[in-house]
PDB file of N, CA and C in Angstrom:
ATOM      1  N   MET A   1       0.854  -1.170   0.000  1.00  0.00           N
ATOM      2  CA  MET A   1       0.000   0.000   0.000  1.00  0.00           C
ATOM      3  C   MET A   1       0.899   1.232   0.000  1.00  0.00           C
ATOM      4  N   ASN A   2       0.628   2.144  -0.898  1.00  0.00           N
ATOM      5  CA  ASN A   2       1.482   3.323  -1.002  1.00  0.00           C
ATOM      6  C   ASN A   2       1.022   4.441  -0.065  1.00  0.00           C
ATOM      7  N   VAL A   3       1.845   5.461   0.033  1.00  0.00           N
ATOM      8  CA  VAL A   3       1.613   6.548   0.979  1.00  0.00           C
ATOM      9  C   VAL A   3       0.355   7.332   0.618  1.00  0.00           C
ATOM     10  N   SER A   4       0.087   7.535  -0.662  1.00  0.00           N
ATOM     11  CA  SER A   4      -1.096   8.308  -1.055  1.00  0.00           C
ATOM     12  C   SER A   4      -2.382   7.578  -0.668  1.00  0.00           C
ATOM     13  N   THR A   5      -2.375   6.268  -0.768  1.00  0.00           N
ATOM     14  CA  THR A   5      -3.550   5.491  -0.347  1.00  0.00           C
ATOM     15  C   THR A   5      -3.756   5.617   1.158  1.00  0.00           C
ATOM     16  N   LEU A   6      -2.688   5.541   1.902  1.00  0.00           N
ATOM     17  CA  LEU A   6      -2.790   5.688   3.353  1.00  0.00           C
ATOM     18  C   LEU A   6      -3.304   7.068   3.737  1.00  0.00           C
ATOM     19  N   LYS A   7      -2.815   8.087   3.066  1.00  0.00           N
ATOM     20  CA  LYS A   7      -3.284   9.451   3.346  1.00  0.00           C
ATOM     21  C   LYS A   7      -4.774   9.583   3.033  1.00  0.00           C
ATOM     22  N   ARG A   8      -5.212   8.970   1.932  1.00  0.00           N
ATOM     23  CA  ARG A   8      -6.621   9.019   1.545  1.00  0.00           C
ATOM     24  C   ARG A   8      -7.489   8.301   2.577  1.00  0.00           C
ATOM     25  N   ILE A   9      -7.007   7.169   3.066  1.00  0.00           N
ATOM     26  CA  ILE A   9      -7.752   6.421   4.096  1.00  0.00           C
ATOM     27  C   ILE A   9      -7.841   7.247   5.375  1.00  0.00           C
ATOM     28  N   GLU A  10      -6.732   7.829   5.799  1.00  0.00           N
ATOM     29  CA  GLU A  10      -6.715   8.617   7.026  1.00  0.00           C
ATOM     30  C   GLU A  10      -7.607   9.853   6.930  1.00  0.00           C
ATOM     31  N   ALA A  11      -7.800  10.368   5.729  1.00  0.00           N
ATOM     32  CA  ALA A  11      -8.649  11.553   5.539  1.00  0.00           C
ATOM     33  C   ALA A  11     -10.128  11.194   5.426  1.00  0.00           C
ATOM     34  N   ASP A  12     -10.427   9.927   5.232  1.00  0.00           N
ATOM     35  CA  ASP A  12     -11.820   9.479   5.073  1.00  0.00           C
ATOM     36  C   ASP A  12     -12.592   9.694   6.373  1.00  0.00           C
ATOM     37  N   PRO A  13     -13.745  10.374   6.311  1.00  0.00           N
ATOM     38  CA  PRO A  13     -14.540  10.595   7.532  1.00  0.00           C
ATOM     39  C   PRO A  13     -14.987   9.281   8.194  1.00  0.00           C
ATOM     40  N   ASN A  14     -15.233   8.247   7.398  1.00  0.00           N
ATOM     41  CA  ASN A  14     -15.617   6.949   7.967  1.00  0.00           C
ATOM     42  C   ASN A  14     -14.478   6.355   8.785  1.00  0.00           C
ATOM     43  N   TYR A  15     -13.244   6.532   8.309  1.00  0.00           N
ATOM     44  CA  TYR A  15     -12.085   6.027   9.042  1.00  0.00           C
ATOM     45  C   TYR A  15     -11.923   6.781  10.361  1.00  0.00           C
ATOM     46  N   GLN A  16     -12.062   8.084  10.305  1.00  0.00           N
ATOM     47  CA  GLN A  16     -11.937   8.887  11.514  1.00  0.00           C
ATOM     48  C   GLN A  16     -13.035   8.532  12.518  1.00  0.00           C
ATOM     49  N   LYS A  17     -14.240   8.289  12.008  1.00  0.00           N
ATOM     50  CA  LYS A  17     -15.341   7.885  12.880  1.00  0.00           C
ATOM     51  C   LYS A  17     -15.054   6.519  13.503  1.00  0.00           C
ATOM     52  N   LEU A  18     -14.565   5.587  12.692  1.00  0.00           N
ATOM     53  CA  LEU A  18     -14.241   4.238  13.173  1.00  0.00           C
ATOM     54  C   LEU A  18     -13.182   4.296  14.271  1.00  0.00           C
ATOM     55  N   VAL A  19     -12.119   5.029  14.039  1.00  0.00           N
ATOM     56  CA  VAL A  19     -11.038   5.133  15.021  1.00  0.00           C
ATOM     57  C   VAL A  19     -11.547   5.762  16.315  1.00  0.00           C
ATOM     58  N   SER A  20     -12.326   6.814  16.176  1.00  0.00           N
ATOM     59  CA  SER A  20     -12.852   7.516  17.348  1.00  0.00           C
ATOM     60  C   SER A  20     -13.783   6.624  18.171  1.00  0.00           C
ATOM     61  N   GLU A  21     -14.713   5.944  17.498  1.00  0.00           N
ATOM     62  CA  GLU A  21     -15.663   5.089  18.209  1.00  0.00           C
ATOM     63  C   GLU A  21     -14.979   3.900  18.861  1.00  0.00           C
ATOM     64  N   ARG A  22     -14.043   3.277  18.150  1.00  0.00           N
ATOM     65  CA  ARG A  22     -13.341   2.124  18.726  1.00  0.00           C
ATOM     66  C   ARG A  22     -12.513   2.539  19.935  1.00  0.00           C
ATOM     67  N   ARG A  23     -11.849   3.667  19.834  1.00  0.00           N
ATOM     68  CA  ARG A  23     -11.036   4.142  20.950  1.00  0.00           C
ATOM     69  C   ARG A  23     -11.915   4.446  22.162  1.00  0.00           C
ATOM     70  N   SER A  24     -13.014   5.113  21.922  1.00  0.00           N
ATOM     71  CA  SER A  24     -13.925   5.480  23.007  1.00  0.00           C
ATOM     72  C   SER A  24     -14.524   4.249  23.681  1.00  0.00           C
ATOM     73  N   LEU A  25     -15.014   3.322  22.877  1.00  0.00           N
ATOM     74  CA  LEU A  25     -15.613   2.111  23.436  1.00  0.00           C
ATOM     75  C   LEU A  25     -14.561   1.261  24.151  1.00  0.00           C
ATOM     76  N   GLY A  26     -13.404   1.111  23.545  1.00  0.00           N
ATOM     77  CA  GLY A  26     -12.337   0.327  24.172  1.00  0.00           C
ATOM     78  C   GLY A  26     -11.916   0.903  25.509  1.00  0.00           C
ATOM     79  N   LEU A  27     -11.787   2.214  25.564  1.00  0.00           N
ATOM     80  CA  LEU A  27     -11.411   2.869  26.813  1.00  0.00           C
ATOM     81  C   LEU A  27     -12.501   2.705  27.863  1.00  0.00           C
ATOM     82  N   THR A  28     -13.747   2.887  27.474  1.00  0.00           N
ATOM     83  CA  THR A  28     -14.869   2.758  28.407  1.00  0.00           C
ATOM     84  C   THR A  28     -14.961   1.346  28.976  1.00  0.00           C
ATOM     85  N   LEU A  29     -14.863   0.350  28.109  1.00  0.00           N
ATOM     86  CA  LEU A  29     -14.961  -1.039  28.574  1.00  0.00           C
ATOM     87  C   LEU A  29     -13.749  -1.431  29.418  1.00  0.00           C
ATOM     88  N   SER A  30     -12.584  -0.908  29.061  1.00  0.00           N
ATOM     89  CA  SER A  30     -11.390  -1.192  29.858  1.00  0.00           C
ATOM     90  C   SER A  30     -11.516  -0.610  31.256  1.00  0.00           C
ATOM     91  N   ILE A  31     -11.989   0.618  31.340  1.00  0.00           N
ATOM     92  CA  ILE A  31     -12.176   1.254  32.646  1.00  0.00           C
ATOM     93  C   ILE A  31     -13.212   0.482  33.461  1.00  0.00           C
ATOM     94  N   ALA A  32     -14.296   0.059  32.811  1.00  0.00           N
ATOM     95  CA  ALA A  32     -15.327  -0.714  33.516  1.00  0.00           C
ATOM     96  C   ALA A  32     -14.736  -1.999  34.090  1.00  0.00           C
ATOM     97  N   MET A  33     -13.930  -2.705  33.294  1.00  0.00           N
ATOM     98  CA  MET A  33     -13.352  -3.964  33.778  1.00  0.00           C
ATOM     99  C   MET A  33     -12.341  -3.720  34.886  1.00  0.00           C
ATOM    100  N   ILE A  34     -11.572  -2.649  34.783  1.00  0.00           N
ATOM    101  CA  ILE A  34     -10.605  -2.316  35.831  1.00  0.00           C
ATOM    102  C   ILE A  34     -11.328  -2.014  37.146  1.00  0.00           C
ATOM    103  N   VAL A  35     -12.414  -1.255  37.068  1.00  0.00           N
ATOM    104  CA  VAL A  35     -13.186  -0.925  38.270  1.00  0.00           C
ATOM    105  C   VAL A  35     -13.768  -2.194  38.892  1.00  0.00           C
ATOM    106  N   ILE A  36     -14.317  -3.072  38.052  1.00  0.00           N
ATOM    107  CA  ILE A  36     -14.895  -4.324  38.560  1.00  0.00           C
ATOM    108  C   ILE A  36     -13.811  -5.178  39.229  1.00  0.00           C
ATOM    109  N   TYR A  37     -12.706  -5.371  38.534  1.00  0.00           N
ATOM    110  CA  TYR A  37     -11.648  -6.243  39.042  1.00  0.00           C
ATOM    111  C   TYR A  37     -11.026  -5.678  40.324  1.00  0.00           C
ATOM    112  N   PHE A  38     -10.618  -4.415  40.280  1.00  0.00           N
ATOM    113  CA  PHE A  38      -9.975  -3.853  41.461  1.00  0.00           C
ATOM    114  C   PHE A  38     -10.971  -3.646  42.594  1.00  0.00           C
ATOM    115  N   GLY A  39     -12.238  -3.456  42.273  1.00  0.00           N
ATOM    116  CA  GLY A  39     -13.260  -3.423  43.319  1.00  0.00           C
ATOM    117  C   GLY A  39     -13.305  -4.746  44.068  1.00  0.00           C
ATOM    118  N   PHE A  40     -13.224  -5.837  43.312  1.00  0.00           N
ATOM    119  CA  PHE A  40     -13.200  -7.160  43.937  1.00  0.00           C
ATOM    120  C   PHE A  40     -11.940  -7.342  44.781  1.00  0.00           C
ATOM    121  N   ILE A  41     -10.802  -6.926  44.242  1.00  0.00           N
ATOM    122  CA  ILE A  41      -9.536  -7.042  44.978  1.00  0.00           C
ATOM    123  C   ILE A  41      -9.588  -6.209  46.262  1.00  0.00           C
ATOM    124  N   LEU A  42     -10.166  -5.022  46.183  1.00  0.00           N
ATOM    125  CA  LEU A  42     -10.291  -4.192  47.384  1.00  0.00           C
ATOM    126  C   LEU A  42     -11.222  -4.837  48.407  1.00  0.00           C
ATOM    127  N   LEU A  43     -12.285  -5.496  47.937  1.00  0.00           N
ATOM    128  CA  LEU A  43     -13.150  -6.238  48.866  1.00  0.00           C
ATOM    129  C   LEU A  43     -12.374  -7.358  49.552  1.00  0.00           C
ATOM    130  N   VAL A  44     -11.559  -8.051  48.784  1.00  0.00           N
ATOM    131  CA  VAL A  44     -10.749  -9.121  49.356  1.00  0.00           C
ATOM    132  C   VAL A  44      -9.814  -8.555  50.421  1.00  0.00           C
ATOM    133  N   ALA A  45      -9.221  -7.398  50.145  1.00  0.00           N
ATOM    134  CA  ALA A  45      -8.261  -6.813  51.069  1.00  0.00           C
ATOM    135  C   ALA A  45      -8.913  -6.216  52.314  1.00  0.00           C
ATOM    136  N   PHE A  46     -10.053  -5.545  52.128  1.00  0.00           N
ATOM    137  CA  PHE A  46     -10.614  -4.770  53.233  1.00  0.00           C
ATOM    138  C   PHE A  46     -11.907  -5.323  53.825  1.00  0.00           C
ATOM    139  N   ALA A  47     -12.488  -6.329  53.192  1.00  0.00           N
ATOM    140  CA  ALA A  47     -13.730  -6.897  53.732  1.00  0.00           C
ATOM    141  C   ALA A  47     -13.738  -8.416  53.621  1.00  0.00           C
ATOM    142  N   PRO A  48     -12.686  -9.072  54.130  1.00  0.00           N
ATOM    143  CA  PRO A  48     -12.647 -10.526  53.997  1.00  0.00           C
ATOM    144  C   PRO A  48     -13.775 -11.218  54.762  1.00  0.00           C
ATOM    145  N   GLY A  49     -14.214 -10.628  55.839  1.00  0.00           N
ATOM    146  CA  GLY A  49     -15.318 -11.219  56.597  1.00  0.00           C
ATOM    147  C   GLY A  49     -16.614 -11.232  55.794  1.00  0.00           C
ATOM    148  N   PHE A  50     -16.852 -10.151  55.065  1.00  0.00           N
ATOM    149  CA  PHE A  50     -18.042 -10.079  54.216  1.00  0.00           C
ATOM    150  C   PHE A  50     -17.981 -11.127  53.113  1.00  0.00           C
ATOM    151  N   LEU A  51     -16.840 -11.235  52.446  1.00  0.00           N
ATOM    152  CA  LEU A  51     -16.705 -12.202  51.360  1.00  0.00           C
ATOM    153  C   LEU A  51     -16.720 -13.638  51.862  1.00  0.00           C
ATOM    154  N   GLY A  52     -16.295 -13.839  53.104  1.00  0.00           N
ATOM    155  CA  GLY A  52     -16.261 -15.181  53.667  1.00  0.00           C
ATOM    156  C   GLY A  52     -17.576 -15.628  54.272  1.00  0.00           C
ATOM    157  N   ALA A  53     -18.560 -14.721  54.297  1.00  0.00           N
ATOM    158  CA  ALA A  53     -19.857 -15.081  54.879  1.00  0.00           C
ATOM    159  C   ALA A  53     -20.563 -16.099  53.995  1.00  0.00           C
ATOM    160  N   SER A  54     -21.151 -17.078  54.644  1.00  0.00           N
ATOM    161  CA  SER A  54     -21.846 -18.141  53.920  1.00  0.00           C
ATOM    162  C   SER A  54     -23.174 -17.625  53.380  1.00  0.00           C
ATOM    163  N   LEU A  55     -23.479 -18.047  52.173  1.00  0.00           N
ATOM    164  CA  LEU A  55     -24.754 -17.668  51.553  1.00  0.00           C
ATOM    165  C   LEU A  55     -25.899 -18.546  52.024  1.00  0.00           C
ATOM    166  N   THR A  56     -25.631 -19.834  52.071  1.00  0.00           N
ATOM    167  CA  THR A  56     -26.704 -20.793  52.344  1.00  0.00           C
ATOM    168  C   THR A  56     -26.493 -21.560  53.641  1.00  0.00           C
ATOM    169  N   GLY A  57     -25.480 -21.190  54.381  1.00  0.00           N
ATOM    170  CA  GLY A  57     -25.157 -21.945  55.574  1.00  0.00           C
ATOM    171  C   GLY A  57     -24.192 -23.082  55.278  1.00  0.00           C
ATOM    172  N   GLY A  58     -23.861 -23.253  54.018  1.00  0.00           N
ATOM    173  CA  GLY A  58     -22.924 -24.301  53.596  1.00  0.00           C
ATOM    174  C   GLY A  58     -21.576 -23.701  53.239  1.00  0.00           C
ATOM    175  N   VAL A  59     -20.969 -24.263  52.227  1.00  0.00           N
ATOM    176  CA  VAL A  59     -19.630 -23.820  51.849  1.00  0.00           C
ATOM    177  C   VAL A  59     -19.636 -22.697  50.818  1.00  0.00           C
ATOM    178  N   THR A  60     -20.760 -22.401  50.214  1.00  0.00           N
ATOM    179  CA  THR A  60     -20.834 -21.329  49.221  1.00  0.00           C
ATOM    180  C   THR A  60     -20.839 -19.975  49.929  1.00  0.00           C
ATOM    181  N   THR A  61     -19.842 -19.155  49.586  1.00  0.00           N
ATOM    182  CA  THR A  61     -19.718 -17.856  50.234  1.00  0.00           C
ATOM    183  C   THR A  61     -20.081 -16.727  49.263  1.00  0.00           C
ATOM    184  N   ILE A  62     -20.247 -15.556  49.826  1.00  0.00           N
ATOM    185  CA  ILE A  62     -20.519 -14.370  49.007  1.00  0.00           C
ATOM    186  C   ILE A  62     -19.337 -14.103  48.075  1.00  0.00           C
ATOM    187  N   GLY A  63     -18.131 -14.357  48.544  1.00  0.00           N
ATOM    188  CA  GLY A  63     -16.930 -14.146  47.738  1.00  0.00           C
ATOM    189  C   GLY A  63     -16.911 -14.999  46.484  1.00  0.00           C
ATOM    190  N   ILE A  64     -17.364 -16.246  46.592  1.00  0.00           N
ATOM    191  CA  ILE A  64     -17.414 -17.122  45.416  1.00  0.00           C
ATOM    192  C   ILE A  64     -18.377 -16.555  44.385  1.00  0.00           C
ATOM    193  N   VAL A  65     -19.527 -16.121  44.841  1.00  0.00           N
ATOM    194  CA  VAL A  65     -20.534 -15.578  43.924  1.00  0.00           C
ATOM    195  C   VAL A  65     -20.012 -14.304  43.259  1.00  0.00           C
ATOM    196  N   ILE A  66     -19.421 -13.410  44.038  1.00  0.00           N
ATOM    197  CA  ILE A  66     -18.892 -12.170  43.464  1.00  0.00           C
ATOM    198  C   ILE A  66     -17.731 -12.476  42.512  1.00  0.00           C
ATOM    199  N   GLY A  67     -16.883 -13.420  42.852  1.00  0.00           N
ATOM    200  CA  GLY A  67     -15.790 -13.820  41.958  1.00  0.00           C
ATOM    201  C   GLY A  67     -16.301 -14.344  40.630  1.00  0.00           C
ATOM    202  N   ILE A  68     -17.344 -15.145  40.683  1.00  0.00           N
ATOM    203  CA  ILE A  68     -17.952 -15.646  39.446  1.00  0.00           C
ATOM    204  C   ILE A  68     -18.543 -14.494  38.644  1.00  0.00           C
ATOM    205  N   LEU A  69     -19.154 -13.539  39.326  1.00  0.00           N
ATOM    206  CA  LEU A  69     -19.709 -12.369  38.638  1.00  0.00           C
ATOM    207  C   LEU A  69     -18.617 -11.525  37.973  1.00  0.00           C
ATOM    208  N   VAL A  70     -17.452 -11.445  38.585  1.00  0.00           N
ATOM    209  CA  VAL A  70     -16.328 -10.728  37.973  1.00  0.00           C
ATOM    210  C   VAL A  70     -15.946 -11.402  36.658  1.00  0.00           C
ATOM    211  N   ILE A  71     -15.834 -12.725  36.685  1.00  0.00           N
ATOM    212  CA  ILE A  71     -15.479 -13.470  35.478  1.00  0.00           C
ATOM    213  C   ILE A  71     -16.563 -13.318  34.415  1.00  0.00           C
ATOM    214  N   LEU A  72     -17.821 -13.433  34.817  1.00  0.00           N
ATOM    215  CA  LEU A  72     -18.925 -13.301  33.864  1.00  0.00           C
ATOM    216  C   LEU A  72     -19.005 -11.887  33.280  1.00  0.00           C
ATOM    217  N   SER A  73     -18.659 -10.892  34.091  1.00  0.00           N
ATOM    218  CA  SER A  73     -18.673  -9.523  33.564  1.00  0.00           C
ATOM    219  C   SER A  73     -17.608  -9.340  32.481  1.00  0.00           C
ATOM    220  N   ALA A  74     -16.462 -10.006  32.627  1.00  0.00           N
ATOM    221  CA  ALA A  74     -15.436  -9.945  31.589  1.00  0.00           C
ATOM    222  C   ALA A  74     -15.964 -10.551  30.298  1.00  0.00           C
ATOM    223  N   PHE A  75     -16.656 -11.689  30.387  1.00  0.00           N
ATOM    224  CA  PHE A  75     -17.249 -12.295  29.194  1.00  0.00           C
ATOM    225  C   PHE A  75     -18.323 -11.387  28.595  1.00  0.00           C
ATOM    226  N   ALA A  76     -19.131 -10.776  29.445  1.00  0.00           N
ATOM    227  CA  ALA A  76     -20.213  -9.908  28.962  1.00  0.00           C
ATOM    228  C   ALA A  76     -19.653  -8.671  28.251  1.00  0.00           C
ATOM    229  N   LEU A  77     -18.641  -8.053  28.828  1.00  0.00           N
ATOM    230  CA  LEU A  77     -18.044  -6.881  28.198  1.00  0.00           C
ATOM    231  C   LEU A  77     -17.361  -7.239  26.883  1.00  0.00           C
ATOM    232  N   THR A  78     -16.711  -8.399  26.856  1.00  0.00           N
ATOM    233  CA  THR A  78     -16.095  -8.864  25.616  1.00  0.00           C
ATOM    234  C   THR A  78     -17.161  -9.135  24.564  1.00  0.00           C
ATOM    235  N   GLY A  79     -18.247  -9.794  24.967  1.00  0.00           N
ATOM    236  CA  GLY A  79     -19.348 -10.066  24.043  1.00  0.00           C
ATOM    237  C   GLY A  79     -19.961  -8.786  23.509  1.00  0.00           C
ATOM    238  N   PHE A  80     -20.101  -7.780  24.366  1.00  0.00           N
ATOM    239  CA  PHE A  80     -20.637  -6.493  23.930  1.00  0.00           C
ATOM    240  C   PHE A  80     -19.728  -5.870  22.878  1.00  0.00           C
ATOM    241  N   TYR A  81     -18.414  -5.908  23.113  1.00  0.00           N
ATOM    242  CA  TYR A  81     -17.473  -5.341  22.153  1.00  0.00           C
ATOM    243  C   TYR A  81     -17.522  -6.097  20.827  1.00  0.00           C
ATOM    244  N   VAL A  82     -17.552  -7.415  20.891  1.00  0.00           N
ATOM    245  CA  VAL A  82     -17.591  -8.221  19.667  1.00  0.00           C
ATOM    246  C   VAL A  82     -18.869  -7.933  18.884  1.00  0.00           C
ATOM    247  N   ASN A  83     -19.984  -7.816  19.597  1.00  0.00           N
ATOM    248  CA  ASN A  83     -21.252  -7.503  18.943  1.00  0.00           C
ATOM    249  C   ASN A  83     -21.163  -6.168  18.220  1.00  0.00           C
ATOM    250  N   ARG A  84     -20.602  -5.177  18.884  1.00  0.00           N
ATOM    251  CA  ARG A  84     -20.458  -3.853  18.275  1.00  0.00           C
ATOM    252  C   ARG A  84     -19.491  -3.915  17.095  1.00  0.00           C
ATOM    253  N   ALA A  85     -18.384  -4.649  17.259  1.00  0.00           N
ATOM    254  CA  ALA A  85     -17.396  -4.743  16.189  1.00  0.00           C
ATOM    255  C   ALA A  85     -17.973  -5.443  14.965  1.00  0.00           C
ATOM    256  N   ASN A  86     -18.741  -6.495  15.187  1.00  0.00           N
ATOM    257  CA  ASN A  86     -19.328  -7.216  14.065  1.00  0.00           C
ATOM    258  C   ASN A  86     -20.481  -6.448  13.419  1.00  0.00           C
ATOM    259  N   GLY A  87     -21.016  -5.490  14.125  1.00  0.00           N
ATOM    260  CA  GLY A  87     -22.122  -4.699  13.590  1.00  0.00           C
ATOM    261  C   GLY A  87     -21.622  -3.441  12.922  1.00  0.00           C
ATOM    262  N   SER A  88     -21.553  -2.373  13.682  1.00  0.00           N
ATOM    263  CA  SER A  88     -21.251  -1.064  13.096  1.00  0.00           C
ATOM    264  C   SER A  88     -19.805  -0.928  12.631  1.00  0.00           C
ATOM    265  N   TYR A  89     -18.848  -1.538  13.325  1.00  0.00           N
ATOM    266  CA  TYR A  89     -17.451  -1.380  12.919  1.00  0.00           C
ATOM    267  C   TYR A  89     -17.163  -2.088  11.606  1.00  0.00           C
ATOM    268  N   ASP A  90     -17.750  -3.252  11.392  1.00  0.00           N
ATOM    269  CA  ASP A  90     -17.547  -3.954  10.122  1.00  0.00           C
ATOM    270  C   ASP A  90     -18.148  -3.174   8.963  1.00  0.00           C
ATOM    271  N   VAL A  91     -19.288  -2.557   9.189  1.00  0.00           N
ATOM    272  CA  VAL A  91     -19.920  -1.750   8.136  1.00  0.00           C
ATOM    273  C   VAL A  91     -19.013  -0.586   7.761  1.00  0.00           C
ATOM    274  N   LEU A  92     -18.488   0.106   8.765  1.00  0.00           N
ATOM    275  CA  LEU A  92     -17.581   1.217   8.489  1.00  0.00           C
ATOM    276  C   LEU A  92     -16.311   0.744   7.780  1.00  0.00           C
ATOM    277  N   THR A  93     -15.776  -0.382   8.199  1.00  0.00           N
ATOM    278  CA  THR A  93     -14.569  -0.913   7.568  1.00  0.00           C
ATOM    279  C   THR A  93     -14.827  -1.249   6.099  1.00  0.00           C
ATOM    280  N   GLN A  94     -15.971  -1.858   5.823  1.00  0.00           N
ATOM    281  CA  GLN A  94     -16.310  -2.180   4.435  1.00  0.00           C
ATOM    282  C   GLN A  94     -16.479  -0.925   3.594  1.00  0.00           C
ATOM    283  N   GLN A  95     -17.066   0.119   4.153  1.00  0.00           N
ATOM    284  CA  GLN A  95     -17.195   1.380   3.429  1.00  0.00           C
ATOM    285  C   GLN A  95     -15.834   1.985   3.129  1.00  0.00           C
ATOM    286  N   ILE A  96     -14.932   1.904   4.082  1.00  0.00           N
ATOM    287  CA  ILE A  96     -13.571   2.426   3.872  1.00  0.00           C
ATOM    288  C   ILE A  96     -12.869   1.655   2.780  1.00  0.00           C
ATOM    289  N   VAL A  97     -12.989   0.336   2.791  1.00  0.00           N
ATOM    290  CA  VAL A  97     -12.349  -0.495   1.763  1.00  0.00           C
ATOM    291  C   VAL A  97     -12.910  -0.170   0.386  1.00  0.00           C
ATOM    292  N   ARG A  98     -14.242  -0.011   0.287  1.00  0.00           N
ATOM    293  CA  ARG A  98     -14.859   0.322  -1.017  1.00  0.00           C
ATOM    294  C   ARG A  98     -14.358   1.671  -1.520  1.00  0.00           C
ATOM    295  N   GLU A  99     -14.266   2.649  -0.634  1.00  0.00           N
ATOM    296  CA  GLU A  99     -13.791   3.963  -1.037  1.00  0.00           C
ATOM    297  C   GLU A  99     -12.323   3.918  -1.466  1.00  0.00           C
ATOM    298  N   THR A 100     -11.546   3.095  -0.807  1.00  0.00           N
ATOM    299  CA  THR A 100     -10.120   2.994  -1.120  1.00  0.00           C
ATOM    300  C   THR A 100      -9.894   2.331  -2.481  1.00  0.00           C
ATOM    301  N   GLN A 101     -10.750   1.406  -2.834  1.00  0.00           N
ATOM    302  CA  GLN A 101     -10.575   0.672  -4.089  1.00  0.00           C
ATOM    303  C   GLN A 101     -11.001   1.477  -5.304  1.00  0.00           C
ATOM    304  N   LYS A 102     -11.654   2.605  -5.106  1.00  0.00           N
ATOM    305  CA  LYS A 102     -12.090   3.429  -6.241  1.00  0.00           C
ATOM    306  C   LYS A 102     -10.932   4.124  -6.884  1.00  0.00           C
TER     307      LYS A 102
END
C-alpha cells in the first residue's frame, strides 16, 4: 500500500469515525473492567469477613458468587465489544475499503 492510499484512508470521515468510536468504546470497557476487578480485589483486602460469609449456611460464600460475577462480567463486556465490532465497525470498515478501491 502506497503513501497516497494511506493518506486518503486517514482523511476518510468513515475512518476517523471508526477510530474515534473504537477508541472510546475500548477505553470505556477497559475502565469498567478495571473498576470491577480492582473493586473485587479491594473487597478481598478490606472486607474478607463479608466475602467469607456463607450464603446458604454451607460452603458457598458471598466471595465465590462475586468472583464468578467478575469473570462473567469480563465475558459480557467482551461479548458487547464483539457484537459492536461485528455490527457497526464492520460496516464502516467495508465502506472504507470500497472507497479505497475506487
